[in-house]
C-alpha atoms as a PDB file:
ATOM      1  CA  MET A   1       7.508 114.344  26.077  1.00  0.00           C
ATOM      2  CA  ALA A   2       7.367 110.823  25.555  1.00  0.00           C
ATOM      3  CA  ASP A   3       3.869 108.683  25.361  1.00  0.00           C
ATOM      4  CA  PRO A   4       3.717 107.064  29.240  1.00  0.00           C
ATOM      5  CA  ARG A   5       2.742 103.866  27.701  1.00  0.00           C
ATOM      6  CA  ILE A   6       5.853 103.716  25.771  1.00  0.00           C
ATOM      7  CA  SER A   7       7.787 104.536  28.643  1.00  0.00           C
ATOM      8  CA  MET A   8       5.945 101.938  30.786  1.00  0.00           C
ATOM      9  CA  LEU A   9       6.583  99.527  28.235  1.00  0.00           C
ATOM     10  CA  LEU A  10      10.362 100.218  28.162  1.00  0.00           C
ATOM     11  CA  THR A  11      10.623 100.350  32.033  1.00  0.00           C
ATOM     12  CA  LEU A  12       9.046  96.697  31.920  1.00  0.00           C
ATOM     13  CA  LEU A  13      11.401  95.551  29.300  1.00  0.00           C
ATOM     14  CA  GLU A  14      14.239  96.906  31.053  1.00  0.00           C
ATOM     15  CA  GLN A  15      13.208  95.636  34.603  1.00  0.00           C
ATOM     16  CA  ALA A  16      12.586  91.951  33.417  1.00  0.00           C
ATOM     17  CA  TYR A  17      15.934  91.852  31.577  1.00  0.00           C
ATOM     18  CA  ASP A  18      18.684  93.844  33.277  1.00  0.00           C
ATOM     19  CA  ARG A  19      17.414  96.608  35.694  1.00  0.00           C
ATOM     20  CA  PRO A  20      16.820  96.457  39.520  1.00  0.00           C
ATOM     21  CA  THR A  21      13.017  95.543  40.530  1.00  0.00           C
ATOM     22  CA  TRP A  22      11.327  94.334  43.325  1.00  0.00           C
ATOM     23  CA  HIS A  23      10.507  90.803  42.090  1.00  0.00           C
ATOM     24  CA  GLY A  24      13.849  89.660  42.435  1.00  0.00           C
ATOM     25  CA  PRO A  25      16.714  88.610  39.975  1.00  0.00           C
ATOM     26  CA  ASN A  26      15.896  89.891  36.256  1.00  0.00           C
ATOM     27  CA  LEU A  27      16.983  87.400  33.293  1.00  0.00           C
ATOM     28  CA  ARG A  28      20.295  89.011  32.704  1.00  0.00           C
ATOM     29  CA  SER A  29      21.407  88.535  36.463  1.00  0.00           C
ATOM     30  CA  SER A  30      20.119  85.189  36.718  1.00  0.00           C
ATOM     31  CA  LEU A  31      22.290  83.986  34.005  1.00  0.00           C
ATOM     32  CA  ARG A  32      25.358  85.776  34.939  1.00  0.00           C
ATOM     33  CA  GLY A  33      28.340  84.039  36.456  1.00  0.00           C
ATOM     34  CA  LEU A  34      27.182  80.285  34.956  1.00  0.00           C
ATOM     35  CA  THR A  35      29.880  78.768  33.226  1.00  0.00           C
ATOM     36  CA  PRO A  36      28.906  76.573  30.183  1.00  0.00           C
ATOM     37  CA  GLU A  37      29.085  73.622  31.854  1.00  0.00           C
ATOM     38  CA  GLU A  38      26.398  74.948  34.702  1.00  0.00           C
ATOM     39  CA  ALA A  39      24.478  76.604  31.909  1.00  0.00           C
ATOM     40  CA  LEU A  40      24.133  73.000  30.381  1.00  0.00           C
ATOM     41  CA  TRP A  41      23.107  71.415  33.475  1.00  0.00           C
ATOM     42  CA  ARG A  42      19.554  69.709  33.582  1.00  0.00           C
ATOM     43  CA  PRO A  43      17.571  68.520  36.475  1.00  0.00           C
ATOM     44  CA  ALA A  44      16.371  65.426  34.693  1.00  0.00           C
ATOM     45  CA  GLU A  45      16.527  64.162  31.015  1.00  0.00           C
ATOM     46  CA  GLY A  46      14.139  66.007  28.745  1.00  0.00           C
ATOM     47  CA  ARG A  47      14.394  69.172  30.714  1.00  0.00           C
ATOM     48  CA  HIS A  48      15.568  72.570  29.709  1.00  0.00           C
ATOM     49  CA  CYS A  49      18.874  74.219  30.808  1.00  0.00           C
ATOM     50  CA  ALA A  50      19.781  77.790  31.543  1.00  0.00           C
ATOM     51  CA  TRP A  51      21.415  77.838  27.832  1.00  0.00           C
ATOM     52  CA  GLU A  52      18.289  76.581  26.222  1.00  0.00           C
ATOM     53  CA  TYR A  53      16.355  79.294  28.131  1.00  0.00           C
ATOM     54  CA  ALA A  54      18.745  82.174  27.132  1.00  0.00           C
ATOM     55  CA  LEU A  55      18.526  81.129  23.378  1.00  0.00           C
ATOM     56  CA  HIS A  56      14.666  80.693  23.725  1.00  0.00           C
ATOM     57  CA  CYS A  57      14.336  84.397  25.270  1.00  0.00           C
ATOM     58  CA  ALA A  58      16.438  85.608  22.478  1.00  0.00           C
ATOM     59  CA  TYR A  59      14.235  83.993  19.603  1.00  0.00           C
ATOM     60  CA  TRP A  60      10.972  85.322  21.417  1.00  0.00           C
ATOM     61  CA  LYS A  61      12.485  88.842  21.721  1.00  0.00           C
ATOM     62  CA  PHE A  62      13.336  88.703  18.088  1.00  0.00           C
ATOM     63  CA  MET A  63      10.151  87.831  17.094  1.00  0.00           C
ATOM     64  CA  ALA A  64       8.309  90.415  19.134  1.00  0.00           C
ATOM     65  CA  THR A  65      10.642  93.002  17.593  1.00  0.00           C
ATOM     66  CA  ARG A  66       9.363  91.621  14.132  1.00  0.00           C
ATOM     67  CA  HIS A  67       5.710  92.043  15.010  1.00  0.00           C
ATOM     68  CA  LEU A  68       6.533  95.497  16.293  1.00  0.00           C
ATOM     69  CA  THR A  69       8.275  96.581  13.192  1.00  0.00           C
ATOM     70  CA  GLY A  70       6.102  94.491  10.671  1.00  0.00           C
ATOM     71  CA  GLU A  71       8.891  92.671   9.413  1.00  0.00           C
ATOM     72  CA  LEU A  72       7.908  89.211  10.113  1.00  0.00           C
ATOM     73  CA  GLU A  73       9.337  88.080   6.723  1.00  0.00           C
ATOM     74  CA  ARG A  74      12.431  89.753   7.047  1.00  0.00           C
ATOM     75  CA  GLY A  75      15.412  88.204   8.357  1.00  0.00           C
ATOM     76  CA  LYS A  76      15.803  84.872   9.974  1.00  0.00           C
ATOM     77  CA  PHE A  77      16.768  84.375  13.670  1.00  0.00           C
ATOM     78  CA  PRO A  78      20.721  83.124  13.522  1.00  0.00           C
ATOM     79  CA  ARG A  79      20.026  79.740  15.282  1.00  0.00           C
ATOM     80  CA  LYS A  80      17.705  76.741  14.935  1.00  0.00           C
ATOM     81  CA  PRO A  81      15.119  75.269  15.287  1.00  0.00           C
ATOM     82  CA  ALA A  82      12.599  78.018  16.234  1.00  0.00           C
ATOM     83  CA  ASN A  83      11.423  78.583  19.661  1.00  0.00           C
ATOM     84  CA  PHE A  84      14.104  76.483  21.653  1.00  0.00           C
ATOM     85  CA  PRO A  85      17.246  76.853  19.318  1.00  0.00           C
ATOM     86  CA  ALA A  86      19.734  73.957  20.014  1.00  0.00           C
ATOM     87  CA  VAL A  87      22.674  74.881  22.117  1.00  0.00           C
ATOM     88  CA  PRO A  88      26.098  74.814  19.924  1.00  0.00           C
ATOM     89  CA  ALA A  89      27.537  71.439  18.926  1.00  0.00           C
ATOM     90  CA  GLU A  90      30.721  72.630  20.910  1.00  0.00           C
ATOM     91  CA  PRO A  91      29.423  74.355  23.947  1.00  0.00           C
ATOM     92  CA  THR A  92      32.620  76.517  24.995  1.00  0.00           C
ATOM     93  CA  ALA A  93      32.707  79.370  26.984  1.00  0.00           C
ATOM     94  CA  GLU A  94      33.306  81.533  23.681  1.00  0.00           C
ATOM     95  CA  ALA A  95      29.979  80.006  22.495  1.00  0.00           C
ATOM     96  CA  TRP A  96      28.203  80.605  25.689  1.00  0.00           C
ATOM     97  CA  LYS A  97      29.420  84.192  25.693  1.00  0.00           C
ATOM     98  CA  ALA A  98      28.469  84.614  22.102  1.00  0.00           C
ATOM     99  CA  ASP A  99      24.504  83.405  22.996  1.00  0.00           C
ATOM    100  CA  LEU A 100      24.392  85.820  25.745  1.00  0.00           C
ATOM    101  CA  GLU A 101      25.402  88.552  23.450  1.00  0.00           C
ATOM    102  CA  LEU A 102      22.977  87.488  21.056  1.00  0.00           C
ATOM    103  CA  LEU A 103      20.302  87.598  23.881  1.00  0.00           C
ATOM    104  CA  HIS A 104      21.580  90.946  24.768  1.00  0.00           C
ATOM    105  CA  ALA A 105      21.493  92.115  21.304  1.00  0.00           C
ATOM    106  CA  CYS A 106      17.812  91.029  20.764  1.00  0.00           C
ATOM    107  CA  HIS A 107      16.875  92.747  23.890  1.00  0.00           C
ATOM    108  CA  LEU A 108      18.462  96.042  22.631  1.00  0.00           C
ATOM    109  CA  GLU A 109      16.707  95.543  19.255  1.00  0.00           C
ATOM    110  CA  LEU A 110      13.395  95.072  21.093  1.00  0.00           C
ATOM    111  CA  CYS A 111      13.576  98.032  23.200  1.00  0.00           C
ATOM    112  CA  ALA A 112      14.579 100.231  20.294  1.00  0.00           C
ATOM    113  CA  ALA A 113      11.352  98.919  18.276  1.00  0.00           C
ATOM    114  CA  VAL A 114       9.415 100.099  21.076  1.00  0.00           C
ATOM    115  CA  GLU A 115      11.150 103.502  21.454  1.00  0.00           C
ATOM    116  CA  ARG A 116      10.548 103.864  17.844  1.00  0.00           C
ATOM    117  CA  LEU A 117       6.731 102.795  18.130  1.00  0.00           C
ATOM    118  CA  GLU A 118       4.094 105.489  17.456  1.00  0.00           C
ATOM    119  CA  PRO A 119       1.796 105.493  20.240  1.00  0.00           C
ATOM    120  CA  ARG A 120      -1.359 105.464  18.196  1.00  0.00           C
ATOM    121  CA  ARG A 121      -0.076 101.920  16.894  1.00  0.00           C
ATOM    122  CA  LEU A 122      -0.076 100.235  20.425  1.00  0.00           C
ATOM    123  CA  ASP A 123      -3.681  98.802  19.975  1.00  0.00           C
ATOM    124  CA  GLU A 124      -3.027  97.521  16.462  1.00  0.00           C
ATOM    125  CA  LYS A 125      -2.848  93.774  16.018  1.00  0.00           C
ATOM    126  CA  SER A 126      -0.060  91.796  14.764  1.00  0.00           C
ATOM    127  CA  GLY A 127      -1.419  88.127  14.884  1.00  0.00           C
ATOM    128  CA  ARG A 128      -3.150  87.234  17.788  1.00  0.00           C
ATOM    129  CA  TRP A 129      -1.908  90.142  19.953  1.00  0.00           C
ATOM    130  CA  THR A 130      -1.456  93.860  19.921  1.00  0.00           C
ATOM    131  CA  LEU A 131       1.639  95.292  19.641  1.00  0.00           C
ATOM    132  CA  ALA A 132       1.723  96.509  23.244  1.00  0.00           C
ATOM    133  CA  GLU A 133       0.798  93.096  24.245  1.00  0.00           C
ATOM    134  CA  HIS A 134       4.165  91.683  22.120  1.00  0.00           C
ATOM    135  CA  ALA A 135       6.109  94.074  24.247  1.00  0.00           C
ATOM    136  CA  PHE A 136       4.489  93.384  27.519  1.00  0.00           C
ATOM    137  CA  GLY A 137       4.529  89.785  26.719  1.00  0.00           C
ATOM    138  CA  ALA A 138       8.139  89.637  26.025  1.00  0.00           C
ATOM    139  CA  ALA A 139       8.922  91.468  29.521  1.00  0.00           C
ATOM    140  CA  ASN A 140       6.858  88.995  31.242  1.00  0.00           C
ATOM    141  CA  HIS A 141       8.484  86.115  29.260  1.00  0.00           C
ATOM    142  CA  ASP A 142      12.034  87.074  30.627  1.00  0.00           C
ATOM    143  CA  VAL A 143      10.654  87.385  34.332  1.00  0.00           C
ATOM    144  CA  TYR A 144       9.110  83.622  34.083  1.00  0.00           C
ATOM    145  CA  HIS A 145      12.140  82.441  32.362  1.00  0.00           C
ATOM    146  CA  ALA A 146      14.464  84.245  34.956  1.00  0.00           C
ATOM    147  CA  GLY A 147      12.615  82.359  37.780  1.00  0.00           C
ATOM    148  CA  GLN A 148      13.296  78.871  36.232  1.00  0.00           C
ATOM    149  CA  VAL A 149      16.737  79.834  35.807  1.00  0.00           C
ATOM    150  CA  ARG A 150      17.189  80.727  39.589  1.00  0.00           C
ATOM    151  CA  LEU A 151      15.472  77.405  40.409  1.00  0.00           C
ATOM    152  CA  LEU A 152      18.179  75.479  38.270  1.00  0.00           C
ATOM    153  CA  ARG A 153      20.961  77.179  39.956  1.00  0.00           C
ATOM    154  CA  ARG A 154      19.488  76.383  43.490  1.00  0.00           C
ATOM    155  CA  LEU A 155      18.948  72.722  42.116  1.00  0.00           C
ATOM    156  CA  MET A 156      22.622  72.658  40.867  1.00  0.00           C
ATOM    157  CA  GLY A 157      23.724  73.857  44.292  1.00  0.00           C
ATOM    158  CA  LYS A 158      25.156  77.179  42.612  1.00  0.00           C
ATOM    159  CA  ASP A 159      22.978  79.267  44.985  1.00  0.00           C
ATOM    160  CA  ARG A 160      22.071  78.943  48.391  1.00  0.00           C
END
């Protein structure tokens, strides 16, 4: 039988990213249906766009996975710079699809790392946070940015 804490972390990660939940749209559904032009829309100069949020979430899922697996020095995120990777120089539909696939792949890797985690390690620290807090934080991070993307959609007139 699976450890209930691991099961809860997996449920939180899945709901925050792509499973139905009572809090409203998750990250994946917030990004769904945006064209590359809409994903690049900014409410004002210097503000983030949905495309940047998608890459930002992918990056932090990648980093949470590295903490959970103990592989902080192995592998590099495929986009630069860290934290808020730059959108492609040519923001085509193919590039948008590829970045959404990168986000999805990072999500699947994170869930797999949580699933493989030995329950006795949940309270182990990796950096400032425990392994459980890295997973829990990644879920909260998705919910937070899903809300920001929903707001961008409203502001651009995509959703009423």
